[in-house]
């Protein structure tokens, strides 16, 4: 499974219940297809870089939006599940745009092929060496105490 981040831009006037319903339906589709939703993060209302045009007008006849509510869904899934979840967002009238990104975790940046150049692995190796040394000294002290 691949780790994805879906950034969703919704209309800024959308009620909280409607937003939570969108997130629940999206998450349910991911889980139904065997994926795992790691987290959902709300980024709040922000100005859009340009005027967004909605597919349909809302109840007040507004079609163009200068502000939007952004939130992200972080999940692990296969590409088929991602497509199914995208279909749900396409059908939702309150969603202006969405983008799926292949997210990178901090562990992806770790260089494990060259352990001598990775400071994190070097630090762990030093800790393990110190623990082994301490355990050996304790074992020697226990043996010496048993002989007496």
Protein backbone atom coordinates (compact mmCIF):
# COMPACT_ATOMS: atom_id res chain seq x y z
CA UNK A 1 0.00 0.00 0.00
CA UNK A 2 1.08 3.53 -0.73
CA UNK A 3 0.94 6.47 1.69
CA UNK A 4 -1.19 9.27 0.18
CA UNK A 5 -2.26 12.75 1.21
CA UNK A 6 -5.48 14.10 -0.26
CA UNK A 7 -5.78 17.89 -0.02
CA UNK A 8 -9.43 18.87 -0.37
CA UNK A 9 -10.65 22.42 -1.01
CA UNK A 10 -14.29 22.96 -0.12
CA UNK A 11 -16.51 26.03 -0.23
CA UNK A 12 -15.87 28.34 2.72
CA UNK A 13 -19.57 28.59 3.60
CA UNK A 14 -19.99 24.82 4.10
CA UNK A 15 -21.31 23.74 7.50
CA UNK A 16 -19.23 21.56 9.79
CA UNK A 17 -21.70 18.66 9.54
CA UNK A 18 -21.39 18.63 5.78
CA UNK A 19 -17.59 18.70 5.95
CA UNK A 20 -17.47 15.88 8.46
CA UNK A 21 -19.86 13.90 6.25
CA UNK A 22 -17.51 14.33 3.27
CA UNK A 23 -14.53 13.19 5.33
CA UNK A 24 -16.44 10.20 6.72
CA UNK A 25 -17.63 9.03 3.31
CA UNK A 26 -14.12 9.44 1.88
CA UNK A 27 -12.57 7.55 4.82
CA UNK A 28 -15.19 4.81 4.68
CA UNK A 29 -14.43 4.16 1.02
CA UNK A 30 -10.70 3.86 1.78
CA UNK A 31 -11.31 1.45 4.66
CA UNK A 32 -13.86 -0.54 2.64
CA UNK A 33 -11.21 -1.21 -0.01
CA UNK A 34 -8.67 -2.40 2.58
CA UNK A 35 -6.83 0.88 3.25
CA UNK A 36 -6.03 2.67 6.49
CA UNK A 37 -6.84 6.32 7.25
CA UNK A 38 -4.02 7.73 9.40
CA UNK A 39 -5.35 11.19 10.15
CA UNK A 40 -7.49 14.10 8.99
CA UNK A 41 -6.17 17.62 9.43
CA UNK A 42 -8.18 20.84 9.06
CA UNK A 43 -6.20 23.77 7.63
CA UNK A 44 -9.02 26.29 8.00
CA UNK A 45 -10.34 28.94 5.66
CA UNK A 46 -7.76 30.54 3.39
CA UNK A 47 -7.67 32.84 0.41
CA UNK A 48 -7.45 30.97 -2.87
CA UNK A 49 -4.58 31.81 -5.24
CA UNK A 50 -7.11 32.53 -7.96
CA UNK A 51 -10.85 32.57 -8.32
CA UNK A 52 -12.24 28.99 -8.29
CA UNK A 53 -15.29 28.10 -10.30
CA UNK A 54 -17.67 25.54 -8.81
CA UNK A 55 -19.36 22.97 -11.05
CA UNK A 56 -22.81 24.20 -9.99
CA UNK A 57 -24.17 27.30 -8.37
CA UNK A 58 -25.11 27.13 -4.69
CA UNK A 59 -28.49 28.03 -3.14
CA UNK A 60 -27.67 31.75 -3.37
CA UNK A 61 -26.55 31.63 -7.01
CA UNK A 62 -22.86 31.94 -6.20
CA UNK A 63 -20.54 30.07 -8.55
CA UNK A 64 -17.15 31.73 -8.08
CA UNK A 65 -15.16 31.46 -4.85
CA UNK A 66 -12.25 33.53 -3.57
CA UNK A 67 -11.89 31.67 -0.26
CA UNK A 68 -11.96 27.99 0.51
CA UNK A 69 -11.76 25.61 3.45
CA UNK A 70 -8.77 23.31 3.19
CA UNK A 71 -8.37 19.95 4.89
CA UNK A 72 -6.12 16.95 4.32
CA UNK A 73 -6.73 13.24 4.67
CA UNK A 74 -3.64 11.06 5.19
CA UNK A 75 -4.16 7.42 4.28
CA UNK A 76 -2.55 4.19 3.08
CA UNK A 77 -4.29 2.42 0.21
CA UNK A 78 -3.93 0.83 -3.16
CA UNK A 79 -4.49 2.90 -6.33
CA UNK A 80 -7.94 1.36 -6.94
CA UNK A 81 -9.19 2.53 -3.54
CA UNK A 82 -7.82 6.01 -4.24
CA UNK A 83 -9.81 6.16 -7.48
CA UNK A 84 -12.99 5.04 -5.72
CA UNK A 85 -12.53 7.73 -3.07
CA UNK A 86 -11.89 10.34 -5.77
CA UNK A 87 -15.24 9.44 -7.34
CA UNK A 88 -16.96 10.33 -4.07
CA UNK A 89 -15.26 13.75 -4.05
CA UNK A 90 -16.18 14.38 -7.70
CA UNK A 91 -19.86 13.84 -6.93
CA UNK A 92 -19.84 16.15 -3.89
CA UNK A 93 -21.17 19.65 -4.75
CA UNK A 94 -19.38 21.35 -1.82
CA UNK A 95 -15.90 20.26 -2.97
CA UNK A 96 -14.21 22.77 -5.26
CA UNK A 97 -10.99 20.87 -5.92
CA UNK A 98 -8.93 18.01 -4.56
CA UNK A 99 -5.44 16.68 -5.13
CA UNK A 100 -3.93 13.34 -4.20
CA UNK A 101 -0.24 13.42 -3.42
CA UNK A 102 2.09 10.56 -2.71
CA UNK A 103 3.09 11.65 0.78
CA UNK A 104 6.57 11.13 2.16
CA UNK A 105 7.21 10.23 5.74
CA UNK A 106 10.43 11.32 7.51
CA UNK A 107 11.62 7.71 7.37
CA UNK A 108 11.72 7.92 3.56
CA UNK A 109 14.58 10.40 3.80
CA UNK A 110 16.76 8.10 5.89
CA UNK A 111 19.71 6.64 4.03
CA UNK A 112 19.88 3.01 5.10
CA UNK A 113 22.19 1.82 2.35
CA UNK A 114 25.19 3.75 3.72
CA UNK A 115 24.97 3.31 7.48
CA UNK A 116 28.33 4.96 8.00
CA UNK A 117 26.93 8.27 6.66
CA UNK A 118 23.61 8.26 8.49
CA UNK A 119 23.82 10.08 11.84
CA UNK A 120 20.58 8.54 13.14
CA UNK A 121 21.75 4.99 12.57
CA UNK A 122 25.17 5.84 14.02
CA UNK A 123 23.51 7.15 17.16
CA UNK A 124 21.45 3.97 17.51
CA UNK A 125 24.51 1.79 16.97
CA UNK A 126 26.40 3.66 19.71
CA UNK A 127 23.49 3.19 22.13
CA UNK A 128 23.31 -0.53 21.35
CA UNK A 129 27.06 -0.90 21.84
CA UNK A 130 26.91 0.90 25.20
CA UNK A 131 24.00 -1.29 26.33
CA UNK A 132 25.85 -4.47 25.35
CA UNK A 133 28.96 -3.29 27.19
CA UNK A 134 26.92 -2.51 30.31
CA UNK A 135 25.17 -5.89 30.14
CA UNK A 136 28.54 -7.68 29.84
CA UNK A 137 29.92 -5.79 32.86
CA UNK A 138 26.83 -6.69 34.90
CA UNK A 139 27.20 -10.35 33.91
CA UNK A 140 30.87 -10.32 35.00
CA UNK A 141 29.97 -8.68 38.29
CA UNK A 142 27.26 -11.31 38.90
CA UNK A 143 29.72 -14.13 38.16
CA UNK A 144 32.27 -12.63 40.56
CA UNK A 145 29.58 -12.32 43.26
CA UNK A 146 28.55 -15.95 42.75
CA UNK A 147 32.14 -17.21 43.18
CA UNK A 148 32.42 -15.56 46.60
